[in-house]
PDB file of N, CA and C in Angstrom:
ATOM      1  N   UNK A   1      53.705 -38.125 -20.170  1.00  0.00           N
ATOM      2  CA  UNK A   1      52.742 -37.181 -19.651  1.00  0.00           C
ATOM      3  C   UNK A   1      52.428 -37.480 -18.188  1.00  0.00           C
ATOM      4  N   UNK A   2      52.303 -38.745 -17.859  1.00  0.00           N
ATOM      5  CA  UNK A   2      51.956 -39.138 -16.496  1.00  0.00           C
ATOM      6  C   UNK A   2      53.062 -38.740 -15.514  1.00  0.00           C
ATOM      7  N   UNK A   3      54.314 -38.803 -15.925  1.00  0.00           N
ATOM      8  CA  UNK A   3      55.450 -38.447 -15.081  1.00  0.00           C
ATOM      9  C   UNK A   3      55.344 -36.993 -14.620  1.00  0.00           C
ATOM     10  N   UNK A   4      54.986 -36.084 -15.545  1.00  0.00           N
ATOM     11  CA  UNK A   4      54.879 -34.667 -15.201  1.00  0.00           C
ATOM     12  C   UNK A   4      53.714 -34.420 -14.258  1.00  0.00           C
ATOM     13  N   UNK A   5      52.669 -35.178 -14.426  1.00  0.00           N
ATOM     14  CA  UNK A   5      51.513 -35.042 -13.537  1.00  0.00           C
ATOM     15  C   UNK A   5      51.896 -35.443 -12.116  1.00  0.00           C
ATOM     16  N   UNK A   6      52.654 -36.525 -11.994  1.00  0.00           N
ATOM     17  CA  UNK A   6      53.125 -36.977 -10.671  1.00  0.00           C
ATOM     18  C   UNK A   6      54.032 -35.920 -10.055  1.00  0.00           C
ATOM     19  N   UNK A   7      54.968 -35.383 -10.847  1.00  0.00           N
ATOM     20  CA  UNK A   7      55.867 -34.336 -10.343  1.00  0.00           C
ATOM     21  C   UNK A   7      55.084 -33.109  -9.902  1.00  0.00           C
ATOM     22  N   UNK A   8      54.066 -32.725 -10.668  1.00  0.00           N
ATOM     23  CA  UNK A   8      53.240 -31.574 -10.315  1.00  0.00           C
ATOM     24  C   UNK A   8      52.532 -31.817  -8.987  1.00  0.00           C
ATOM     25  N   UNK A   9      51.966 -33.004  -8.808  1.00  0.00           N
ATOM     26  CA  UNK A   9      51.280 -33.339  -7.562  1.00  0.00           C
ATOM     27  C   UNK A   9      52.248 -33.372  -6.386  1.00  0.00           C
ATOM     28  N   UNK A  10      53.453 -33.898  -6.598  1.00  0.00           N
ATOM     29  CA  UNK A  10      54.455 -33.911  -5.525  1.00  0.00           C
ATOM     30  C   UNK A  10      54.846 -32.493  -5.134  1.00  0.00           C
ATOM     31  N   UNK A  11      54.951 -31.616  -6.114  1.00  0.00           N
ATOM     32  CA  UNK A  11      55.268 -30.208  -5.843  1.00  0.00           C
ATOM     33  C   UNK A  11      54.176 -29.554  -5.004  1.00  0.00           C
ATOM     34  N   UNK A  12      52.928 -29.837  -5.325  1.00  0.00           N
ATOM     35  CA  UNK A  12      51.805 -29.273  -4.557  1.00  0.00           C
ATOM     36  C   UNK A  12      51.793 -29.831  -3.141  1.00  0.00           C
ATOM     37  N   UNK A  13      52.099 -31.105  -2.998  1.00  0.00           N
ATOM     38  CA  UNK A  13      52.157 -31.723  -1.666  1.00  0.00           C
ATOM     39  C   UNK A  13      53.270 -31.066  -0.848  1.00  0.00           C
ATOM     40  N   UNK A  14      54.415 -30.855  -1.491  1.00  0.00           N
ATOM     41  CA  UNK A  14      55.549 -30.221  -0.814  1.00  0.00           C
ATOM     42  C   UNK A  14      55.177 -28.808  -0.350  1.00  0.00           C
ATOM     43  N   UNK A  15      54.502 -28.039  -1.209  1.00  0.00           N
ATOM     44  CA  UNK A  15      54.064 -26.690  -0.845  1.00  0.00           C
ATOM     45  C   UNK A  15      53.078 -26.731   0.323  1.00  0.00           C
ATOM     46  N   UNK A  16      52.166 -27.673   0.283  1.00  0.00           N
ATOM     47  CA  UNK A  16      51.195 -27.812   1.371  1.00  0.00           C
ATOM     48  C   UNK A  16      51.869 -28.154   2.690  1.00  0.00           C
ATOM     49  N   UNK A  17      52.836 -29.066   2.632  1.00  0.00           N
ATOM     50  CA  UNK A  17      53.570 -29.429   3.850  1.00  0.00           C
ATOM     51  C   UNK A  17      54.368 -28.245   4.388  1.00  0.00           C
ATOM     52  N   UNK A  18      54.931 -27.442   3.491  1.00  0.00           N
ATOM     53  CA  UNK A  18      55.684 -26.255   3.916  1.00  0.00           C
ATOM     54  C   UNK A  18      54.754 -25.260   4.607  1.00  0.00           C
ATOM     55  N   UNK A  19      53.546 -25.084   4.089  1.00  0.00           N
ATOM     56  CA  UNK A  19      52.571 -24.189   4.736  1.00  0.00           C
ATOM     57  C   UNK A  19      52.188 -24.715   6.113  1.00  0.00           C
ATOM     58  N   UNK A  20      51.972 -26.011   6.223  1.00  0.00           N
ATOM     59  CA  UNK A  20      51.633 -26.619   7.507  1.00  0.00           C
ATOM     60  C   UNK A  20      52.778 -26.432   8.501  1.00  0.00           C
ATOM     61  N   UNK A  21      54.002 -26.618   8.038  1.00  0.00           N
ATOM     62  CA  UNK A  21      55.168 -26.458   8.905  1.00  0.00           C
ATOM     63  C   UNK A  21      55.289 -25.016   9.403  1.00  0.00           C
ATOM     64  N   UNK A  22      55.045 -24.039   8.515  1.00  0.00           N
ATOM     65  CA  UNK A  22      55.088 -22.628   8.931  1.00  0.00           C
ATOM     66  C   UNK A  22      53.999 -22.342   9.954  1.00  0.00           C
ATOM     67  N   UNK A  23      52.810 -22.874   9.730  1.00  0.00           N
ATOM     68  CA  UNK A  23      51.709 -22.663  10.672  1.00  0.00           C
ATOM     69  C   UNK A  23      52.021 -23.303  12.025  1.00  0.00           C
ATOM     70  N   UNK A  24      52.598 -24.483  12.012  1.00  0.00           N
ATOM     71  CA  UNK A  24      52.961 -25.162  13.255  1.00  0.00           C
ATOM     72  C   UNK A  24      54.017 -24.361  14.001  1.00  0.00           C
ATOM     73  N   UNK A  25      54.975 -23.834  13.290  1.00  0.00           N
ATOM     74  CA  UNK A  25      56.020 -23.026  13.907  1.00  0.00           C
ATOM     75  C   UNK A  25      55.427 -21.770  14.535  1.00  0.00           C
ATOM     76  N   UNK A  26      54.492 -21.151  13.830  1.00  0.00           N
ATOM     77  CA  UNK A  26      53.808 -19.963  14.354  1.00  0.00           C
ATOM     78  C   UNK A  26      53.039 -20.303  15.631  1.00  0.00           C
ATOM     79  N   UNK A  27      52.313 -21.400  15.609  1.00  0.00           N
ATOM     80  CA  UNK A  27      51.553 -21.820  16.792  1.00  0.00           C
ATOM     81  C   UNK A  27      52.476 -22.145  17.966  1.00  0.00           C
ATOM     82  N   UNK A  28      53.610 -22.757  17.687  1.00  0.00           N
ATOM     83  CA  UNK A  28      54.572 -23.086  18.738  1.00  0.00           C
ATOM     84  C   UNK A  28      55.082 -21.810  19.396  1.00  0.00           C
ATOM     85  N   UNK A  29      55.366 -20.789  18.598  1.00  0.00           N
ATOM     86  CA  UNK A  29      55.806 -19.501  19.159  1.00  0.00           C
ATOM     87  C   UNK A  29      54.703 -18.884  20.007  1.00  0.00           C
ATOM     88  N   UNK A  30      53.471 -18.936  19.527  1.00  0.00           N
ATOM     89  CA  UNK A  30      52.338 -18.375  20.275  1.00  0.00           C
ATOM     90  C   UNK A  30      52.146 -19.097  21.612  1.00  0.00           C
ATOM     91  N   UNK A  31      52.243 -20.412  21.601  1.00  0.00           N
ATOM     92  CA  UNK A  31      52.106 -21.183  22.845  1.00  0.00           C
ATOM     93  C   UNK A  31      53.205 -20.783  23.823  1.00  0.00           C
ATOM     94  N   UNK A  32      54.412 -20.594  23.325  1.00  0.00           N
ATOM     95  CA  UNK A  32      55.508 -20.150  24.181  1.00  0.00           C
ATOM     96  C   UNK A  32      55.211 -18.812  24.824  1.00  0.00           C
ATOM     97  N   UNK A  33      54.654 -17.874  24.061  1.00  0.00           N
ATOM     98  CA  UNK A  33      54.294 -16.566  24.610  1.00  0.00           C
ATOM     99  C   UNK A  33      53.190 -16.692  25.657  1.00  0.00           C
ATOM    100  N   UNK A  34      52.199 -17.511  25.362  1.00  0.00           N
ATOM    101  CA  UNK A  34      51.100 -17.707  26.317  1.00  0.00           C
ATOM    102  C   UNK A  34      51.619 -18.323  27.609  1.00  0.00           C
ATOM    103  N   UNK A  35      52.485 -19.305  27.505  1.00  0.00           N
ATOM    104  CA  UNK A  35      53.015 -19.956  28.707  1.00  0.00           C
ATOM    105  C   UNK A  35      53.853 -18.970  29.517  1.00  0.00           C
ATOM    106  N   UNK A  36      54.597 -18.101  28.859  1.00  0.00           N
ATOM    107  CA  UNK A  36      55.380 -17.094  29.580  1.00  0.00           C
ATOM    108  C   UNK A  36      54.450 -16.146  30.320  1.00  0.00           C
ATOM    109  N   UNK A  37      53.367 -15.738  29.682  1.00  0.00           N
ATOM    110  CA  UNK A  37      52.384 -14.868  30.350  1.00  0.00           C
ATOM    111  C   UNK A  37      51.740 -15.598  31.518  1.00  0.00           C
ATOM    112  N   UNK A  38      51.459 -16.884  31.355  1.00  0.00           N
ATOM    113  CA  UNK A  38      50.859 -17.659  32.442  1.00  0.00           C
ATOM    114  C   UNK A  38      51.788 -17.699  33.639  1.00  0.00           C
ATOM    115  N   UNK A  39      53.080 -17.848  33.400  1.00  0.00           N
ATOM    116  CA  UNK A  39      54.050 -17.833  34.502  1.00  0.00           C
ATOM    117  C   UNK A  39      54.028 -16.488  35.216  1.00  0.00           C
ATOM    118  N   UNK A  40      53.934 -15.395  34.447  1.00  0.00           N
ATOM    119  CA  UNK A  40      53.854 -14.064  35.059  1.00  0.00           C
ATOM    120  C   UNK A  40      52.599 -13.938  35.922  1.00  0.00           C
ATOM    121  N   UNK A  41      51.484 -14.431  35.420  1.00  0.00           N
ATOM    122  CA  UNK A  41      50.224 -14.371  36.165  1.00  0.00           C
ATOM    123  C   UNK A  41      50.324 -15.209  37.439  1.00  0.00           C
ATOM    124  N   UNK A  42      50.886 -16.408  37.328  1.00  0.00           N
ATOM    125  CA  UNK A  42      51.037 -17.260  38.514  1.00  0.00           C
ATOM    126  C   UNK A  42      51.897 -16.579  39.571  1.00  0.00           C
ATOM    127  N   UNK A  43      52.981 -15.920  39.152  1.00  0.00           N
ATOM    128  CA  UNK A  43      53.835 -15.213  40.103  1.00  0.00           C
ATOM    129  C   UNK A  43      53.092 -14.064  40.762  1.00  0.00           C
ATOM    130  N   UNK A  44      52.297 -13.334  39.991  1.00  0.00           N
ATOM    131  CA  UNK A  44      51.519 -12.237  40.540  1.00  0.00           C
ATOM    132  C   UNK A  44      50.489 -12.742  41.548  1.00  0.00           C
ATOM    133  N   UNK A  45      49.810 -13.814  41.224  1.00  0.00           N
ATOM    134  CA  UNK A  45      48.812 -14.390  42.138  1.00  0.00           C
ATOM    135  C   UNK A  45      49.476 -14.825  43.445  1.00  0.00           C
ATOM    136  N   UNK A  46      50.651 -15.420  43.346  1.00  0.00           N
ATOM    137  CA  UNK A  46      51.376 -15.829  44.551  1.00  0.00           C
ATOM    138  C   UNK A  46      51.714 -14.620  45.404  1.00  0.00           C
ATOM    139  N   UNK A  47      52.173 -13.546  44.771  1.00  0.00           N
ATOM    140  CA  UNK A  47      52.496 -12.328  45.527  1.00  0.00           C
ATOM    141  C   UNK A  47      51.260 -11.747  46.201  1.00  0.00           C
ATOM    142  N   UNK A  48      50.116 -11.777  45.512  1.00  0.00           N
ATOM    143  CA  UNK A  48      48.873 -11.273  46.102  1.00  0.00           C
ATOM    144  C   UNK A  48      48.467 -12.147  47.286  1.00  0.00           C
ATOM    145  N   UNK A  49      48.556 -13.469  47.138  1.00  0.00           N
ATOM    146  CA  UNK A  49      48.215 -14.375  48.241  1.00  0.00           C
ATOM    147  C   UNK A  49      49.078 -14.104  49.466  1.00  0.00           C
ATOM    148  N   UNK A  50      50.375 -13.901  49.257  1.00  0.00           N
ATOM    149  CA  UNK A  50      51.287 -13.613  50.364  1.00  0.00           C
ATOM    150  C   UNK A  50      50.913 -12.291  51.022  1.00  0.00           C
ATOM    151  N   UNK A  51      50.588 -11.287  50.202  1.00  0.00           N
ATOM    152  CA  UNK A  51      50.208  -9.977  50.745  1.00  0.00           C
ATOM    153  C   UNK A  51      48.931 -10.071  51.576  1.00  0.00           C
ATOM    154  N   UNK A  52      47.940 -10.795  51.080  1.00  0.00           N
ATOM    155  CA  UNK A  52      46.676 -10.944  51.817  1.00  0.00           C
ATOM    156  C   UNK A  52      46.921 -11.666  53.133  1.00  0.00           C
ATOM    157  N   UNK A  53      47.745 -12.696  53.118  1.00  0.00           N
ATOM    158  CA  UNK A  53      48.070 -13.411  54.364  1.00  0.00           C
ATOM    159  C   UNK A  53      48.772 -12.482  55.347  1.00  0.00           C
ATOM    160  N   UNK A  54      49.664 -11.639  54.834  1.00  0.00           N
ATOM    161  CA  UNK A  54      50.357 -10.679  55.690  1.00  0.00           C
ATOM    162  C   UNK A  54      49.396  -9.673  56.303  1.00  0.00           C
ATOM    163  N   UNK A  55      48.455  -9.187  55.505  1.00  0.00           N
ATOM    164  CA  UNK A  55      47.456  -8.247  56.015  1.00  0.00           C
ATOM    165  C   UNK A  55      46.606  -8.920  57.088  1.00  0.00           C
ATOM    166  N   UNK A  56      46.206 -10.156  56.830  1.00  0.00           N
ATOM    167  CA  UNK A  56      45.413 -10.900  57.821  1.00  0.00           C
ATOM    168  C   UNK A  56      46.198 -11.023  59.130  1.00  0.00           C
ATOM    169  N   UNK A  57      47.479 -11.339  59.053  1.00  0.00           N
ATOM    170  CA  UNK A  57      48.319 -11.453  60.257  1.00  0.00           C
ATOM    171  C   UNK A  57      48.439 -10.117  60.964  1.00  0.00           C
ATOM    172  N   UNK A  58      48.601  -9.038  60.202  1.00  0.00           N
ATOM    173  CA  UNK A  58      48.691  -7.700  60.804  1.00  0.00           C
ATOM    174  C   UNK A  58      47.405  -7.333  61.532  1.00  0.00           C
ATOM    175  N   UNK A  59      46.280  -7.668  60.944  1.00  0.00           N
ATOM    176  CA  UNK A  59      44.991  -7.388  61.599  1.00  0.00           C
ATOM    177  C   UNK A  59      44.904  -8.129  62.926  1.00  0.00           C
ATOM    178  N   UNK A  60      45.286  -9.407  62.906  1.00  0.00           N
ATOM    179  CA  UNK A  60      45.232 -10.200  64.138  1.00  0.00           C
ATOM    180  C   UNK A  60      46.165  -9.615  65.210  1.00  0.00           C
ATOM    181  N   UNK A  61      47.327  -9.140  64.807  1.00  0.00           N
ATOM    182  CA  UNK A  61      48.270  -8.542  65.762  1.00  0.00           C
ATOM    183  C   UNK A  61      47.697  -7.255  66.351  1.00  0.00           C
ATOM    184  N   UNK A  62      47.085  -6.427  65.505  1.00  0.00           N
ATOM    185  CA  UNK A  62      46.479  -5.184  66.000  1.00  0.00           C
ATOM    186  C   UNK A  62      45.331  -5.488  66.948  1.00  0.00           C
ATOM    187  N   UNK A  63      44.513  -6.478  66.611  1.00  0.00           N
ATOM    188  CA  UNK A  63      43.396  -6.856  67.490  1.00  0.00           C
ATOM    189  C   UNK A  63      43.902  -7.333  68.844  1.00  0.00           C
ATOM    190  N   UNK A  64      45.002  -8.081  68.840  1.00  0.00           N
ATOM    191  CA  UNK A  64      45.555  -8.588  70.102  1.00  0.00           C
ATOM    192  C   UNK A  64      46.090  -7.446  70.961  1.00  0.00           C
ATOM    193  N   UNK A  65      46.731  -6.457  70.345  1.00  0.00           N
ATOM    194  CA  UNK A  65      47.301  -5.340  71.082  1.00  0.00           C
ATOM    195  C   UNK A  65      46.277  -4.275  71.447  1.00  0.00           C
ATOM    196  N   UNK A  66      45.276  -4.100  70.596  1.00  0.00           N
ATOM    197  CA  UNK A  66      44.275  -3.046  70.792  1.00  0.00           C
ATOM    198  C   UNK A  66      42.870  -3.605  70.556  1.00  0.00           C
ATOM    199  N   UNK A  67      42.365  -4.378  71.511  1.00  0.00           N
ATOM    200  CA  UNK A  67      41.051  -4.998  71.307  1.00  0.00           C
ATOM    201  C   UNK A  67      39.913  -3.977  71.174  1.00  0.00           C
ATOM    202  N   UNK A  68      40.151  -2.744  71.596  1.00  0.00           N
ATOM    203  CA  UNK A  68      39.102  -1.723  71.532  1.00  0.00           C
ATOM    204  C   UNK A  68      38.900  -1.171  70.110  1.00  0.00           C
ATOM    205  N   UNK A  69      39.859  -1.403  69.236  1.00  0.00           N
ATOM    206  CA  UNK A  69      39.774  -0.889  67.866  1.00  0.00           C
ATOM    207  C   UNK A  69      38.858  -1.795  67.032  1.00  0.00           C
ATOM    208  N   UNK A  70      37.918  -1.164  66.324  1.00  0.00           N
ATOM    209  CA  UNK A  70      36.991  -1.910  65.459  1.00  0.00           C
ATOM    210  C   UNK A  70      37.636  -2.096  64.078  1.00  0.00           C
ATOM    211  N   UNK A  71      38.006  -3.301  63.788  1.00  0.00           N
ATOM    212  CA  UNK A  71      38.641  -3.617  62.510  1.00  0.00           C
ATOM    213  C   UNK A  71      37.720  -4.418  61.596  1.00  0.00           C
ATOM    214  N   UNK A  72      36.427  -4.404  61.901  1.00  0.00           N
ATOM    215  CA  UNK A  72      35.494  -5.246  61.147  1.00  0.00           C
ATOM    216  C   UNK A  72      35.446  -4.880  59.658  1.00  0.00           C
ATOM    217  N   UNK A  73      35.508  -3.589  59.328  1.00  0.00           N
ATOM    218  CA  UNK A  73      35.473  -3.194  57.910  1.00  0.00           C
ATOM    219  C   UNK A  73      36.714  -3.712  57.182  1.00  0.00           C
ATOM    220  N   UNK A  74      37.872  -3.588  57.822  1.00  0.00           N
ATOM    221  CA  UNK A  74      39.108  -4.082  57.208  1.00  0.00           C
ATOM    222  C   UNK A  74      39.076  -5.605  57.075  1.00  0.00           C
ATOM    223  N   UNK A  75      38.559  -6.279  58.103  1.00  0.00           N
ATOM    224  CA  UNK A  75      38.439  -7.743  58.044  1.00  0.00           C
ATOM    225  C   UNK A  75      37.499  -8.170  56.921  1.00  0.00           C
ATOM    226  N   UNK A  76      36.429  -7.405  56.718  1.00  0.00           N
ATOM    227  CA  UNK A  76      35.481  -7.734  55.650  1.00  0.00           C
ATOM    228  C   UNK A  76      36.142  -7.598  54.279  1.00  0.00           C
ATOM    229  N   UNK A  77      36.971  -6.575  54.126  1.00  0.00           N
ATOM    230  CA  UNK A  77      37.661  -6.406  52.838  1.00  0.00           C
ATOM    231  C   UNK A  77      38.652  -7.536  52.591  1.00  0.00           C
ATOM    232  N   UNK A  78      39.374  -7.937  53.619  1.00  0.00           N
ATOM    233  CA  UNK A  78      40.324  -9.048  53.470  1.00  0.00           C
ATOM    234  C   UNK A  78      39.559 -10.337  53.189  1.00  0.00           C
ATOM    235  N   UNK A  79      38.439 -10.528  53.863  1.00  0.00           N
ATOM    236  CA  UNK A  79      37.625 -11.719  53.611  1.00  0.00           C
ATOM    237  C   UNK A  79      37.127 -11.730  52.160  1.00  0.00           C
ATOM    238  N   UNK A  80      36.819 -10.533  51.624  1.00  0.00           N
ATOM    239  CA  UNK A  80      36.407 -10.447  50.225  1.00  0.00           C
ATOM    240  C   UNK A  80      37.520 -10.883  49.284  1.00  0.00           C
ATOM    241  N   UNK A  81      38.745 -10.466  49.592  1.00  0.00           N
ATOM    242  CA  UNK A  81      39.887 -10.894  48.773  1.00  0.00           C
ATOM    243  C   UNK A  81      40.091 -12.400  48.876  1.00  0.00           C
ATOM    244  N   UNK A  82      39.973 -12.931  50.081  1.00  0.00           N
ATOM    245  CA  UNK A  82      40.128 -14.378  50.264  1.00  0.00           C
ATOM    246  C   UNK A  82      39.005 -15.127  49.563  1.00  0.00           C
ATOM    247  N   UNK A  83      37.807 -14.534  49.541  1.00  0.00           N
ATOM    248  CA  UNK A  83      36.684 -15.140  48.834  1.00  0.00           C
ATOM    249  C   UNK A  83      36.914 -15.203  47.337  1.00  0.00           C
ATOM    250  N   UNK A  84      37.515 -14.132  46.802  1.00  0.00           N
ATOM    251  CA  UNK A  84      37.847 -14.149  45.371  1.00  0.00           C
ATOM    252  C   UNK A  84      38.828 -15.259  45.063  1.00  0.00           C
ATOM    253  N   UNK A  85      39.797 -15.445  45.950  1.00  0.00           N
ATOM    254  CA  UNK A  85      40.784 -16.508  45.760  1.00  0.00           C
ATOM    255  C   UNK A  85      40.101 -17.871  45.769  1.00  0.00           C
ATOM    256  N   UNK A  86      39.104 -18.032  46.630  1.00  0.00           N
ATOM    257  CA  UNK A  86      38.389 -19.311  46.709  1.00  0.00           C
ATOM    258  C   UNK A  86      37.568 -19.578  45.445  1.00  0.00           C
ATOM    259  N   UNK A  87      37.123 -18.503  44.771  1.00  0.00           N
ATOM    260  CA  UNK A  87      36.350 -18.672  43.542  1.00  0.00           C
ATOM    261  C   UNK A  87      37.201 -19.232  42.410  1.00  0.00           C
ATOM    262  N   UNK A  88      38.497 -18.964  42.469  1.00  0.00           N
ATOM    263  CA  UNK A  88      39.406 -19.396  41.411  1.00  0.00           C
ATOM    264  C   UNK A  88      40.514 -20.252  42.004  1.00  0.00           C
ATOM    265  N   UNK A  89      40.158 -21.483  42.381  1.00  0.00           N
ATOM    266  CA  UNK A  89      41.195 -22.339  42.981  1.00  0.00           C
ATOM    267  C   UNK A  89      42.291 -22.674  41.977  1.00  0.00           C
ATOM    268  N   UNK A  90      43.408 -23.049  42.521  1.00  0.00           N
ATOM    269  CA  UNK A  90      44.548 -23.408  41.666  1.00  0.00           C
ATOM    270  C   UNK A  90      44.167 -24.593  40.782  1.00  0.00           C
ATOM    271  N   UNK A  91      44.638 -24.554  39.568  1.00  0.00           N
ATOM    272  CA  UNK A  91      44.373 -25.655  38.638  1.00  0.00           C
ATOM    273  C   UNK A  91      45.142 -26.885  39.095  1.00  0.00           C
ATOM    274  N   UNK A  92      44.571 -28.065  38.880  1.00  0.00           N
ATOM    275  CA  UNK A  92      45.312 -29.268  39.260  1.00  0.00           C
ATOM    276  C   UNK A  92      46.589 -29.378  38.448  1.00  0.00           C
ATOM    277  N   UNK A  93      47.626 -29.944  39.040  1.00  0.00           N
ATOM    278  CA  UNK A  93      48.878 -30.072  38.276  1.00  0.00           C
ATOM    279  C   UNK A  93      48.665 -30.919  37.035  1.00  0.00           C
ATOM    280  N   UNK A  94      49.332 -30.540  35.983  1.00  0.00           N
ATOM    281  CA  UNK A  94      49.189 -31.251  34.719  1.00  0.00           C
ATOM    282  C   UNK A  94      50.386 -32.153  34.502  1.00  0.00           C
ATOM    283  N   UNK A  95      50.131 -33.224  33.791  1.00  0.00           N
ATOM    284  CA  UNK A  95      51.210 -34.146  33.439  1.00  0.00           C
ATOM    285  C   UNK A  95      52.182 -33.427  32.525  1.00  0.00           C
ATOM    286  N   UNK A  96      53.484 -33.621  32.720  1.00  0.00           N
ATOM    287  CA  UNK A  96      54.424 -32.998  31.789  1.00  0.00           C
ATOM    288  C   UNK A  96      54.234 -33.548  30.384  1.00  0.00           C
ATOM    289  N   UNK A  97      54.378 -32.672  29.423  1.00  0.00           N
ATOM    290  CA  UNK A  97      54.225 -33.104  28.037  1.00  0.00           C
ATOM    291  C   UNK A  97      55.584 -33.143  27.360  1.00  0.00           C
ATOM    292  N   UNK A  98      55.632 -33.871  26.303  1.00  0.00           N
ATOM    293  CA  UNK A  98      56.861 -33.973  25.531  1.00  0.00           C
ATOM    294  C   UNK A  98      57.080 -32.632  24.816  1.00  0.00           C
ATOM    295  N   UNK A  99      58.294 -32.136  24.773  1.00  0.00           N
ATOM    296  CA  UNK A  99      58.533 -30.877  24.044  1.00  0.00           C
ATOM    297  C   UNK A  99      58.275 -31.055  22.552  1.00  0.00           C
ATOM    298  N   UNK A 100      57.760 -30.001  21.962  1.00  0.00           N
ATOM    299  CA  UNK A 100      57.472 -30.035  20.531  1.00  0.00           C
ATOM    300  C   UNK A 100      58.777 -29.924  19.772  1.00  0.00           C
ATOM    301  N   UNK A 101      58.971 -30.824  18.847  1.00  0.00           N
ATOM    302  CA  UNK A 101      60.202 -30.814  18.052  1.00  0.00           C
ATOM    303  C   UNK A 101      59.898 -30.127  16.731  1.00  0.00           C
ATOM    304  N   UNK A 102      60.782 -29.241  16.328  1.00  0.00           N
ATOM    305  CA  UNK A 102      60.591 -28.544  15.051  1.00  0.00           C
ATOM    306  C   UNK A 102      61.539 -29.083  14.032  1.00  0.00           C
TER     307      UNK A 102
END
């Protein structure tokens, strides 16, 4: 009788481990999707930063060529964009982690 009880418990343990493994696999896929989205966001932020820098340079060039033109409103808008960037500084680099083995 005791042998069957042990086998039954081992079967339940095996089922529990299989559920945990499926959940871990699901989470690993989700993390992969999140990291891919994060890369897309980082690329977009870089493109926006480059665009804002380009606009700032264009404003300075126009001011140098045409000092009579009032560009204060445009400068204020660019400063607002730069201010938003300052509110969300880049995250510090993270230590590389070991890849998850399945």
